[in-house]
N, C-alpha and C. Protein backbone atom coordinates (compact mmCIF):
# COMPACT_ATOMS: atom_id res chain seq x y z
N UNK A 1 0.84 -1.19 0.00
CA UNK A 1 0.00 0.00 0.00
C UNK A 1 0.88 1.25 0.00
N UNK A 2 0.45 2.25 -0.74
CA UNK A 2 1.21 3.47 -0.87
C UNK A 2 1.41 4.12 0.51
N UNK A 3 2.63 4.48 0.79
CA UNK A 3 2.93 5.14 2.05
C UNK A 3 3.51 4.22 3.09
N UNK A 4 3.32 2.91 2.94
CA UNK A 4 3.88 1.98 3.91
C UNK A 4 5.37 1.82 3.69
N UNK A 5 6.12 1.69 4.77
CA UNK A 5 7.56 1.46 4.66
C UNK A 5 8.38 2.72 4.44
N UNK A 6 7.75 3.89 4.47
CA UNK A 6 8.48 5.14 4.29
C UNK A 6 9.15 5.52 5.61
N UNK A 7 10.44 5.76 5.57
CA UNK A 7 11.19 6.10 6.78
C UNK A 7 11.21 7.61 6.98
N UNK A 8 11.15 8.02 8.23
CA UNK A 8 11.19 9.43 8.59
C UNK A 8 12.62 9.79 8.98
N UNK A 9 13.27 10.60 8.17
CA UNK A 9 14.65 11.02 8.43
C UNK A 9 14.72 12.40 9.09
N UNK A 10 13.58 12.91 9.49
CA UNK A 10 13.56 14.23 10.10
C UNK A 10 14.12 14.15 11.52
N UNK A 11 14.62 15.28 12.02
CA UNK A 11 15.09 15.34 13.40
C UNK A 11 13.91 15.24 14.36
N UNK A 12 14.19 14.75 15.56
CA UNK A 12 13.17 14.71 16.60
C UNK A 12 12.95 16.12 17.12
N UNK A 13 11.91 16.31 17.92
CA UNK A 13 11.63 17.63 18.48
C UNK A 13 12.78 18.10 19.35
N UNK A 14 13.37 17.20 20.14
CA UNK A 14 14.49 17.58 21.00
C UNK A 14 15.71 17.98 20.17
N UNK A 15 15.94 17.26 19.08
CA UNK A 15 17.08 17.59 18.21
C UNK A 15 16.85 18.92 17.51
N UNK A 16 15.62 19.19 17.13
CA UNK A 16 15.30 20.48 16.51
C UNK A 16 15.50 21.61 17.51
N UNK A 17 15.15 21.36 18.77
CA UNK A 17 15.33 22.38 19.80
C UNK A 17 16.82 22.66 20.02
N UNK A 18 17.63 21.59 20.07
CA UNK A 18 19.08 21.75 20.20
C UNK A 18 19.63 22.56 19.04
N UNK A 19 19.21 22.21 17.84
CA UNK A 19 19.67 22.90 16.64
C UNK A 19 19.33 24.39 16.71
N UNK A 20 18.10 24.68 17.13
CA UNK A 20 17.64 26.07 17.22
C UNK A 20 18.43 26.85 18.27
N UNK A 21 18.69 26.21 19.42
CA UNK A 21 19.41 26.89 20.50
C UNK A 21 20.85 27.22 20.09
N UNK A 22 21.52 26.25 19.46
CA UNK A 22 22.91 26.48 19.04
C UNK A 22 22.95 27.53 17.93
N UNK A 23 22.02 27.45 16.99
CA UNK A 23 22.00 28.42 15.89
C UNK A 23 21.74 29.83 16.41
N UNK A 24 20.79 29.97 17.31
CA UNK A 24 20.45 31.28 17.86
C UNK A 24 21.64 31.87 18.63
N UNK A 25 22.29 31.03 19.42
CA UNK A 25 23.44 31.51 20.19
C UNK A 25 24.56 31.98 19.26
N UNK A 26 24.87 31.19 18.25
CA UNK A 26 25.96 31.54 17.34
C UNK A 26 25.63 32.77 16.50
N UNK A 27 24.37 32.90 16.11
CA UNK A 27 23.97 34.08 15.35
C UNK A 27 24.17 35.35 16.17
N UNK A 28 23.97 35.22 17.48
CA UNK A 28 24.10 36.38 18.37
C UNK A 28 25.54 36.64 18.79
N UNK A 29 26.29 35.58 19.07
CA UNK A 29 27.62 35.72 19.67
C UNK A 29 28.78 35.45 18.71
N UNK A 30 28.49 34.92 17.53
CA UNK A 30 29.59 34.61 16.62
C UNK A 30 29.31 35.12 15.20
N UNK A 31 29.15 36.44 15.05
CA UNK A 31 29.01 37.00 13.71
C UNK A 31 30.34 36.93 12.96
N UNK A 32 30.32 37.34 11.72
CA UNK A 32 31.52 37.27 10.88
C UNK A 32 32.68 38.05 11.47
N UNK A 33 32.40 39.15 12.15
CA UNK A 33 33.49 39.96 12.71
C UNK A 33 34.27 39.20 13.78
N UNK A 34 33.60 38.29 14.50
CA UNK A 34 34.29 37.48 15.50
C UNK A 34 35.19 36.45 14.81
N UNK A 35 34.69 35.85 13.75
CA UNK A 35 35.49 34.89 12.99
C UNK A 35 36.74 35.55 12.44
N UNK A 36 36.58 36.74 11.86
CA UNK A 36 37.73 37.46 11.29
C UNK A 36 38.69 37.92 12.39
N UNK A 37 38.16 38.28 13.54
CA UNK A 37 39.01 38.71 14.65
C UNK A 37 39.98 37.60 15.05
N UNK A 38 39.47 36.40 15.12
CA UNK A 38 40.31 35.26 15.51
C UNK A 38 41.28 34.89 14.40
N UNK A 39 40.79 34.88 13.16
CA UNK A 39 41.64 34.52 12.02
C UNK A 39 42.78 35.51 11.83
N UNK A 40 42.51 36.78 12.05
CA UNK A 40 43.50 37.82 11.82
C UNK A 40 44.33 38.16 13.05
N UNK A 41 43.92 37.68 14.21
CA UNK A 41 44.60 38.03 15.44
C UNK A 41 45.47 36.91 15.99
N UNK A 42 45.71 36.96 17.29
CA UNK A 42 46.60 35.99 17.94
C UNK A 42 45.86 35.03 18.87
N UNK A 43 44.55 35.12 18.94
CA UNK A 43 43.77 34.22 19.79
C UNK A 43 43.83 32.78 19.23
N UNK A 44 43.85 31.81 20.12
CA UNK A 44 43.81 30.41 19.67
C UNK A 44 42.41 30.02 19.23
N UNK A 45 41.41 30.66 19.81
CA UNK A 45 40.01 30.41 19.47
C UNK A 45 39.18 31.51 20.10
N UNK A 46 37.91 31.56 19.75
CA UNK A 46 37.01 32.55 20.34
C UNK A 46 36.55 32.03 21.70
N UNK A 47 37.25 32.42 22.73
CA UNK A 47 37.01 31.86 24.06
C UNK A 47 35.61 32.18 24.56
N UNK A 48 35.10 33.36 24.28
CA UNK A 48 33.76 33.72 24.74
C UNK A 48 32.70 32.85 24.07
N UNK A 49 32.90 32.55 22.80
CA UNK A 49 31.97 31.69 22.07
C UNK A 49 32.05 30.26 22.61
N UNK A 50 33.26 29.79 22.85
CA UNK A 50 33.45 28.44 23.38
C UNK A 50 32.79 28.30 24.75
N UNK A 51 32.97 29.29 25.62
CA UNK A 51 32.36 29.24 26.95
C UNK A 51 30.84 29.23 26.85
N UNK A 52 30.29 29.94 25.88
CA UNK A 52 28.85 29.93 25.68
C UNK A 52 28.36 28.56 25.23
N UNK A 53 29.11 27.91 24.36
CA UNK A 53 28.75 26.56 23.92
C UNK A 53 28.86 25.57 25.08
N UNK A 54 29.85 25.79 25.94
CA UNK A 54 29.97 24.96 27.15
C UNK A 54 28.74 25.14 28.03
N UNK A 55 28.29 26.37 28.19
CA UNK A 55 27.09 26.64 29.00
C UNK A 55 25.86 25.96 28.40
N UNK A 56 25.82 25.83 27.09
CA UNK A 56 24.71 25.13 26.43
C UNK A 56 24.83 23.62 26.55
N UNK A 57 26.00 23.14 27.01
CA UNK A 57 26.20 21.71 27.18
C UNK A 57 26.74 21.00 25.96
N UNK A 58 27.21 21.75 24.97
CA UNK A 58 27.66 21.13 23.72
C UNK A 58 28.80 20.13 23.92
N UNK A 59 29.87 20.45 24.69
CA UNK A 59 30.94 19.46 24.85
C UNK A 59 30.49 18.18 25.57
N UNK A 60 29.38 18.25 26.30
CA UNK A 60 28.90 17.11 27.08
C UNK A 60 27.92 16.22 26.31
N UNK A 61 27.54 16.61 25.11
CA UNK A 61 26.47 15.91 24.40
C UNK A 61 26.71 14.41 24.29
N UNK A 62 27.88 14.01 23.79
CA UNK A 62 28.13 12.60 23.53
C UNK A 62 28.83 11.85 24.64
N UNK A 63 29.06 12.51 25.77
CA UNK A 63 29.76 11.88 26.89
C UNK A 63 28.75 11.19 27.79
N UNK A 64 29.01 9.94 28.17
CA UNK A 64 28.06 9.21 29.03
C UNK A 64 27.76 9.96 30.33
N UNK A 65 26.55 9.75 30.84
CA UNK A 65 26.12 10.44 32.06
C UNK A 65 27.01 10.11 33.25
N UNK A 66 27.54 8.90 33.29
CA UNK A 66 28.39 8.51 34.43
C UNK A 66 29.67 9.34 34.51
N UNK A 67 30.01 10.02 33.41
CA UNK A 67 31.20 10.88 33.40
C UNK A 67 30.83 12.35 33.34
N UNK A 68 29.60 12.66 33.71
CA UNK A 68 29.18 14.06 33.75
C UNK A 68 28.62 14.60 32.46
N UNK A 69 28.40 13.72 31.48
CA UNK A 69 27.86 14.17 30.20
C UNK A 69 26.36 13.99 30.10
N UNK A 70 25.84 14.19 28.90
CA UNK A 70 24.40 14.07 28.66
C UNK A 70 24.00 12.69 28.15
N UNK A 71 24.98 11.93 27.69
CA UNK A 71 24.69 10.58 27.22
C UNK A 71 23.85 10.50 25.96
N UNK A 72 23.95 11.50 25.10
CA UNK A 72 23.17 11.51 23.87
C UNK A 72 23.92 10.80 22.76
N UNK A 73 23.26 10.66 21.62
CA UNK A 73 23.81 9.88 20.51
C UNK A 73 24.71 10.74 19.61
N UNK A 74 25.46 10.09 18.70
CA UNK A 74 26.27 10.86 17.75
C UNK A 74 25.45 11.82 16.90
N UNK A 75 24.16 11.55 16.74
CA UNK A 75 23.32 12.42 15.92
C UNK A 75 23.18 13.80 16.55
N UNK A 76 23.05 13.85 17.89
CA UNK A 76 22.98 15.15 18.56
C UNK A 76 24.29 15.91 18.40
N UNK A 77 25.40 15.20 18.46
CA UNK A 77 26.70 15.84 18.23
C UNK A 77 26.76 16.40 16.81
N UNK A 78 26.23 15.66 15.86
CA UNK A 78 26.21 16.11 14.46
C UNK A 78 25.31 17.34 14.28
N UNK A 79 24.21 17.37 15.01
CA UNK A 79 23.32 18.54 14.94
C UNK A 79 24.07 19.80 15.37
N UNK A 80 24.81 19.69 16.48
CA UNK A 80 25.60 20.83 16.96
C UNK A 80 26.72 21.16 15.97
N UNK A 81 27.36 20.12 15.44
CA UNK A 81 28.47 20.32 14.50
C UNK A 81 27.99 21.07 13.25
N UNK A 82 26.81 20.73 12.79
CA UNK A 82 26.27 21.39 11.60
C UNK A 82 26.13 22.89 11.82
N UNK A 83 25.62 23.27 12.98
CA UNK A 83 25.42 24.69 13.26
C UNK A 83 26.74 25.42 13.49
N UNK A 84 27.68 24.74 14.15
CA UNK A 84 29.00 25.35 14.38
C UNK A 84 29.72 25.55 13.04
N UNK A 85 29.60 24.57 12.15
CA UNK A 85 30.18 24.72 10.82
C UNK A 85 29.48 25.79 10.01
N UNK A 86 28.19 25.88 10.15
CA UNK A 86 27.41 26.89 9.43
C UNK A 86 27.87 28.30 9.79
N UNK A 87 28.22 28.48 11.07
CA UNK A 87 28.67 29.80 11.53
C UNK A 87 30.17 29.99 11.37
N UNK A 88 30.87 28.94 10.92
CA UNK A 88 32.34 28.97 10.84
C UNK A 88 32.95 29.40 12.17
N UNK A 89 32.35 28.91 13.25
CA UNK A 89 32.78 29.34 14.59
C UNK A 89 34.21 28.88 14.88
N UNK A 90 35.09 29.79 15.26
CA UNK A 90 36.49 29.44 15.55
C UNK A 90 36.64 28.89 16.96
N UNK A 91 36.17 27.67 17.16
CA UNK A 91 36.22 27.01 18.47
C UNK A 91 36.75 25.59 18.28
N UNK A 92 37.33 24.99 19.34
CA UNK A 92 37.93 23.65 19.22
C UNK A 92 36.91 22.53 19.32
N UNK A 93 35.84 22.63 18.56
CA UNK A 93 34.78 21.62 18.63
C UNK A 93 35.23 20.28 18.06
N UNK A 94 35.70 20.28 16.82
CA UNK A 94 36.08 19.02 16.18
C UNK A 94 37.18 18.31 16.95
N UNK A 95 38.21 19.05 17.34
CA UNK A 95 39.36 18.43 17.99
C UNK A 95 39.01 17.90 19.37
N UNK A 96 38.21 18.64 20.12
CA UNK A 96 37.93 18.26 21.51
C UNK A 96 36.67 17.41 21.65
N UNK A 97 35.57 17.89 21.09
CA UNK A 97 34.28 17.22 21.27
C UNK A 97 34.19 15.94 20.44
N UNK A 98 34.76 15.97 19.25
CA UNK A 98 34.67 14.81 18.37
C UNK A 98 35.90 13.90 18.51
N UNK A 99 37.07 14.41 18.18
CA UNK A 99 38.26 13.54 18.10
C UNK A 99 38.74 13.07 19.47
N UNK A 100 39.08 13.99 20.35
CA UNK A 100 39.65 13.60 21.65
C UNK A 100 38.62 12.84 22.49
N UNK A 101 37.41 13.34 22.53
CA UNK A 101 36.38 12.69 23.34
C UNK A 101 36.10 11.28 22.86
N UNK A 102 35.95 11.12 21.55
CA UNK A 102 35.64 9.78 21.03
C UNK A 102 36.82 8.83 21.19
N UNK A 103 38.04 9.34 21.08
CA UNK A 103 39.22 8.49 21.29
C UNK A 103 39.27 8.00 22.74
N UNK A 104 38.97 8.89 23.67
CA UNK A 104 38.94 8.50 25.08
C UNK A 104 37.86 7.45 25.33
N UNK A 105 36.68 7.66 24.78
CA UNK A 105 35.59 6.71 24.97
C UNK A 105 35.93 5.35 24.38
N UNK A 106 36.61 5.37 23.24
CA UNK A 106 36.93 4.13 22.53
C UNK A 106 38.09 3.37 23.15
N UNK A 107 39.15 4.07 23.52
CA UNK A 107 40.39 3.38 23.86
C UNK A 107 40.99 3.75 25.20
N UNK A 108 40.39 4.68 25.92
CA UNK A 108 40.96 5.09 27.20
C UNK A 108 40.78 4.04 28.29
N UNK A 109 41.68 4.03 29.24
CA UNK A 109 41.53 3.16 30.40
C UNK A 109 40.43 3.73 31.30
N UNK A 110 39.98 2.94 32.26
CA UNK A 110 38.95 3.43 33.19
C UNK A 110 39.43 4.68 33.92
N UNK A 111 40.69 4.66 34.35
CA UNK A 111 41.23 5.81 35.08
C UNK A 111 41.28 7.05 34.19
N UNK A 112 41.67 6.88 32.93
CA UNK A 112 41.74 8.01 32.01
C UNK A 112 40.36 8.58 31.73
N UNK A 113 39.38 7.71 31.57
CA UNK A 113 38.01 8.17 31.34
C UNK A 113 37.48 8.93 32.55
N UNK A 114 37.72 8.40 33.75
CA UNK A 114 37.23 9.05 34.97
C UNK A 114 37.89 10.41 35.18
N UNK A 115 39.13 10.53 34.76
CA UNK A 115 39.85 11.78 34.93
C UNK A 115 39.45 12.82 33.90
N UNK A 116 39.42 12.42 32.61
CA UNK A 116 39.35 13.42 31.55
C UNK A 116 37.97 13.63 30.93
N UNK A 117 37.10 12.62 30.91
CA UNK A 117 35.78 12.84 30.31
C UNK A 117 34.97 13.89 31.08
N UNK A 118 34.97 13.87 32.42
CA UNK A 118 34.27 14.97 33.14
C UNK A 118 34.88 16.34 32.86
N UNK A 119 36.21 16.38 32.69
CA UNK A 119 36.88 17.65 32.38
C UNK A 119 36.45 18.16 31.00
N UNK A 120 36.32 17.25 30.05
CA UNK A 120 35.88 17.63 28.71
C UNK A 120 34.41 18.06 28.73
N UNK A 121 33.59 17.31 29.46
CA UNK A 121 32.16 17.62 29.52
C UNK A 121 31.90 18.99 30.12
N UNK A 122 32.68 19.36 31.13
CA UNK A 122 32.48 20.64 31.81
C UNK A 122 33.17 21.81 31.11
N UNK A 123 33.99 21.50 30.10
CA UNK A 123 34.72 22.55 29.40
C UNK A 123 35.99 22.98 30.11
N UNK A 124 36.34 22.31 31.21
CA UNK A 124 37.57 22.66 31.93
C UNK A 124 38.81 22.24 31.16
N UNK A 125 38.67 21.27 30.28
CA UNK A 125 39.79 20.80 29.46
C UNK A 125 39.41 20.84 28.00
N UNK A 126 40.40 21.06 27.15
CA UNK A 126 40.26 20.98 25.70
C UNK A 126 41.24 19.92 25.22
N UNK A 127 40.75 18.97 24.47
CA UNK A 127 41.61 17.90 23.98
C UNK A 127 41.84 18.00 22.48
N UNK A 128 42.84 17.29 22.01
CA UNK A 128 43.09 17.20 20.58
C UNK A 128 43.69 15.85 20.26
N UNK A 129 43.76 15.52 18.98
CA UNK A 129 44.30 14.26 18.52
C UNK A 129 45.50 14.55 17.62
N UNK A 130 46.64 13.96 17.94
CA UNK A 130 47.86 14.19 17.16
C UNK A 130 48.22 12.92 16.40
N UNK A 131 47.93 12.91 15.11
CA UNK A 131 48.17 11.72 14.28
C UNK A 131 49.15 12.01 13.16
N UNK A 132 48.84 13.04 12.36
CA UNK A 132 49.61 13.32 11.14
C UNK A 132 51.06 13.69 11.45
N UNK A 133 51.94 13.32 10.51
CA UNK A 133 53.37 13.66 10.63
C UNK A 133 53.85 14.28 9.32
N UNK A 134 53.17 15.35 8.92
CA UNK A 134 53.53 16.02 7.68
C UNK A 134 52.46 15.85 6.62
N UNK A 135 52.86 16.05 5.37
CA UNK A 135 51.90 16.09 4.27
C UNK A 135 51.37 14.73 3.86
N UNK A 136 52.09 13.65 4.18
CA UNK A 136 51.65 12.32 3.75
C UNK A 136 50.43 11.88 4.55
N UNK A 137 49.62 10.99 3.97
CA UNK A 137 48.44 10.50 4.68
C UNK A 137 48.85 9.84 6.01
N UNK A 138 48.07 10.06 7.08
CA UNK A 138 48.42 9.49 8.40
C UNK A 138 48.07 8.01 8.51
N UNK A 139 48.70 7.21 7.65
CA UNK A 139 48.49 5.76 7.67
C UNK A 139 49.54 5.10 8.56
N UNK A 140 49.28 3.89 9.04
CA UNK A 140 50.25 3.23 9.93
C UNK A 140 51.67 3.20 9.38
N UNK A 141 51.82 2.97 8.07
CA UNK A 141 53.18 2.88 7.52
C UNK A 141 53.91 4.22 7.52
N UNK A 142 53.15 5.34 7.70
CA UNK A 142 53.77 6.66 7.71
C UNK A 142 54.05 7.20 9.11
N UNK A 143 53.68 6.45 10.13
CA UNK A 143 53.89 6.89 11.51
C UNK A 143 55.32 6.57 11.93
N UNK A 144 56.05 7.59 12.36
CA UNK A 144 57.45 7.42 12.79
C UNK A 144 57.64 7.73 14.27
N UNK A 145 56.70 8.41 14.89
CA UNK A 145 56.81 8.71 16.32
C UNK A 145 56.84 7.42 17.12
N UNK A 146 57.79 7.32 18.04
CA UNK A 146 58.00 6.10 18.81
C UNK A 146 57.64 6.31 20.28
N UNK A 147 57.16 5.25 20.89
CA UNK A 147 56.88 5.25 22.33
C UNK A 147 57.54 4.04 22.96
N UNK A 148 58.33 4.29 24.02
CA UNK A 148 58.96 3.18 24.73
C UNK A 148 59.50 3.64 26.06
N UNK A 149 59.39 2.80 27.05
CA UNK A 149 59.89 3.16 28.37
C UNK A 149 59.21 4.37 28.97
N UNK A 150 57.95 4.58 28.61
CA UNK A 150 57.21 5.73 29.12
C UNK A 150 57.58 7.04 28.47
N UNK A 151 58.27 7.00 27.31
CA UNK A 151 58.71 8.23 26.65
C UNK A 151 58.35 8.24 25.17
N UNK A 152 58.15 9.46 24.65
CA UNK A 152 57.80 9.67 23.25
C UNK A 152 58.96 10.30 22.50
N UNK A 153 59.13 9.91 21.23
CA UNK A 153 60.14 10.54 20.38
C UNK A 153 59.57 10.68 18.97
N UNK A 154 59.53 11.92 18.47
CA UNK A 154 59.01 12.15 17.13
C UNK A 154 58.38 13.52 17.01
N UNK A 155 57.65 13.75 15.91
CA UNK A 155 57.04 15.04 15.65
C UNK A 155 55.69 14.85 14.99
N UNK A 156 54.70 15.60 15.44
CA UNK A 156 53.36 15.57 14.88
C UNK A 156 53.05 16.93 14.26
N UNK A 157 52.63 16.92 13.00
CA UNK A 157 52.36 18.15 12.26
C UNK A 157 51.39 17.85 11.11
N UNK A 158 50.26 18.58 11.03
CA UNK A 158 49.77 19.58 11.98
C UNK A 158 48.98 18.94 13.11
N UNK A 159 48.79 19.70 14.19
CA UNK A 159 47.95 19.28 15.31
C UNK A 159 46.83 20.30 15.45
N UNK A 160 45.63 19.88 15.10
CA UNK A 160 44.49 20.80 15.14
C UNK A 160 44.24 21.31 16.55
N UNK A 161 44.15 22.61 16.69
CA UNK A 161 43.92 23.26 17.98
C UNK A 161 44.98 22.92 19.01
N UNK A 162 46.18 22.61 18.55
CA UNK A 162 47.27 22.33 19.47
C UNK A 162 47.61 23.51 20.35
N UNK A 163 47.35 24.71 19.86
CA UNK A 163 47.65 25.91 20.64
C UNK A 163 46.71 26.08 21.82
N UNK A 164 45.51 25.52 21.71
CA UNK A 164 44.50 25.70 22.76
C UNK A 164 44.36 24.49 23.67
N UNK A 165 44.93 23.36 23.27
CA UNK A 165 44.64 22.09 23.95
C UNK A 165 45.27 21.98 25.33
N UNK A 166 44.53 21.36 26.23
CA UNK A 166 45.02 21.01 27.56
C UNK A 166 45.80 19.70 27.49
N UNK A 167 45.34 18.80 26.61
CA UNK A 167 46.04 17.53 26.42
C UNK A 167 45.89 17.08 24.98
N UNK A 168 46.81 16.22 24.59
CA UNK A 168 46.75 15.62 23.24
C UNK A 168 46.81 14.11 23.37
N UNK A 169 46.08 13.44 22.51
CA UNK A 169 46.19 11.99 22.40
C UNK A 169 47.03 11.71 21.15
N UNK A 170 48.17 11.09 21.34
CA UNK A 170 49.18 10.95 20.29
C UNK A 170 49.26 9.52 19.80
N UNK A 171 49.22 9.36 18.48
CA UNK A 171 49.39 8.03 17.89
C UNK A 171 50.87 7.77 17.66
N UNK A 172 51.37 6.65 18.20
CA UNK A 172 52.80 6.36 18.11
C UNK A 172 53.02 4.86 17.94
N UNK A 173 54.20 4.53 17.40
CA UNK A 173 54.63 3.14 17.32
C UNK A 173 55.15 2.71 18.69
N UNK A 174 54.78 1.51 19.10
CA UNK A 174 55.23 1.01 20.38
C UNK A 174 56.48 0.15 20.19
N UNK A 175 57.48 0.40 21.05
CA UNK A 175 58.70 -0.40 21.01
C UNK A 175 58.52 -1.73 21.75
N UNK A 176 57.44 -1.81 22.50
CA UNK A 176 57.18 -3.01 23.29
C UNK A 176 55.75 -3.45 23.06
N UNK A 177 55.37 -4.53 23.69
CA UNK A 177 53.99 -5.01 23.59
C UNK A 177 53.07 -3.96 24.19
N UNK A 178 51.89 -3.73 23.59
CA UNK A 178 50.99 -2.70 24.09
C UNK A 178 50.49 -3.01 25.50
N UNK A 179 50.34 -1.94 26.30
CA UNK A 179 49.79 -2.06 27.63
C UNK A 179 48.35 -1.58 27.64
N UNK A 180 47.71 -1.64 28.78
CA UNK A 180 46.33 -1.20 28.87
C UNK A 180 46.24 0.31 28.76
N UNK A 181 45.20 0.78 28.09
CA UNK A 181 44.99 2.22 27.96
C UNK A 181 45.54 2.73 26.64
N UNK A 182 44.63 3.21 25.79
CA UNK A 182 45.01 3.76 24.50
C UNK A 182 45.79 2.77 23.64
N UNK A 183 45.29 1.55 23.56
CA UNK A 183 45.86 0.57 22.64
C UNK A 183 45.05 0.63 21.35
N UNK A 184 45.71 0.80 20.24
CA UNK A 184 45.05 0.83 18.94
C UNK A 184 44.76 -0.61 18.52
N UNK A 185 43.48 -0.97 18.48
CA UNK A 185 43.11 -2.35 18.22
C UNK A 185 43.47 -2.82 16.82
N UNK A 186 43.68 -1.89 15.89
CA UNK A 186 43.92 -2.28 14.51
C UNK A 186 45.33 -2.82 14.28
N UNK A 187 46.25 -2.49 15.12
CA UNK A 187 47.63 -2.96 14.93
C UNK A 187 48.32 -3.03 16.28
N UNK A 188 48.94 -4.15 16.59
CA UNK A 188 49.54 -4.34 17.90
C UNK A 188 50.73 -3.41 18.14
N UNK A 189 51.31 -2.89 17.07
CA UNK A 189 52.48 -2.01 17.24
C UNK A 189 52.09 -0.55 17.41
N UNK A 190 50.79 -0.24 17.26
CA UNK A 190 50.35 1.14 17.35
C UNK A 190 49.73 1.41 18.71
N UNK A 191 50.02 2.59 19.27
CA UNK A 191 49.45 2.94 20.56
C UNK A 191 48.97 4.39 20.57
N UNK A 192 47.88 4.62 21.31
CA UNK A 192 47.46 5.97 21.60
C UNK A 192 48.08 6.37 22.94
N UNK A 193 48.78 7.49 22.99
CA UNK A 193 49.44 7.95 24.19
C UNK A 193 48.79 9.25 24.66
N UNK A 194 48.39 9.31 25.92
CA UNK A 194 47.80 10.53 26.47
C UNK A 194 48.90 11.45 26.96
N UNK A 195 49.02 12.63 26.33
CA UNK A 195 50.06 13.59 26.67
C UNK A 195 49.41 14.82 27.29
N UNK A 196 49.85 15.17 28.48
CA UNK A 196 49.26 16.29 29.20
C UNK A 196 50.12 17.54 29.05
N UNK A 197 49.46 18.65 28.82
CA UNK A 197 50.15 19.93 28.75
C UNK A 197 49.13 21.03 28.95
N UNK A 198 49.52 22.18 29.39
CA UNK A 198 48.57 23.27 29.57
C UNK A 198 48.82 24.31 28.49
N UNK A 199 48.08 24.18 27.38
CA UNK A 199 48.28 25.08 26.26
C UNK A 199 49.62 24.81 25.60
N UNK A 200 49.64 23.92 24.63
CA UNK A 200 50.90 23.55 23.99
C UNK A 200 51.52 24.73 23.24
N UNK A 201 50.70 25.68 22.84
CA UNK A 201 51.22 26.89 22.20
C UNK A 201 51.78 26.66 20.82
N UNK A 202 51.31 25.62 20.14
CA UNK A 202 51.83 25.34 18.80
C UNK A 202 50.84 24.50 18.03
N UNK A 203 50.92 24.57 16.69
CA UNK A 203 50.10 23.70 15.85
C UNK A 203 50.88 22.45 15.47
N UNK A 204 52.02 22.23 16.13
CA UNK A 204 52.80 21.01 15.96
C UNK A 204 53.37 20.61 17.31
N UNK A 205 53.69 19.36 17.45
CA UNK A 205 54.27 18.84 18.69
C UNK A 205 55.52 18.04 18.37
N UNK A 206 56.59 18.30 19.07
CA UNK A 206 57.83 17.55 18.90
C UNK A 206 58.22 16.90 20.22
N UNK A 207 58.71 15.66 20.14
CA UNK A 207 59.10 14.92 21.33
C UNK A 207 60.52 14.40 21.16
N UNK A 208 61.35 14.65 22.13
CA UNK A 208 62.70 14.08 22.15
C UNK A 208 62.78 13.14 23.34
N UNK A 209 62.17 11.98 23.15
CA UNK A 209 62.02 10.99 24.22
C UNK A 209 61.47 11.65 25.48
N UNK A 210 60.37 12.45 25.26
CA UNK A 210 59.74 13.15 26.36
C UNK A 210 58.90 12.18 27.17
N UNK A 211 58.91 12.37 28.50
CA UNK A 211 58.12 11.50 29.36
C UNK A 211 57.30 12.31 30.33
């Protein structure tokens, strides 16, 4: 019968409300002049805009409730991402809310999750993911950064929002068998390493057997 089996791809009422709230906030607080101010100036990001998004709960959307988040689905994160992209908002959304948060959820140890997911949800921390090592594709065969004996050696370039990040999750080759916490399941020689810093102050990271 005509009409049967038709799927509804529309957003739910709650998702529409989230979309409207984020769009309204960005229209008010992130006009083009704010975007240009950050692009042309020395700020790492629009801190006032980021704090407003934190107040709206955006960094907490995809983080489980047990870690201080809202426990919503990736679709809600995408709804917020769409509006942030629409406004070209200069904030560390992709690096912190998507990349670092999802890496922690996927591969972090229990202790790492308990420590950093609440910090990300509350906006007290900004995370980033350091994978690429130059212009070549960031594939396993192109990774040269090494991890061994609790120390890192190598260089990551570029690192998105590295200037603003509180911590970076670094992909490195392991000199030894992988341990618990940030083990890359796709290859036994690859590891995710949690590197702590307060504002790295660079769009690249270099390690000389740093521990």
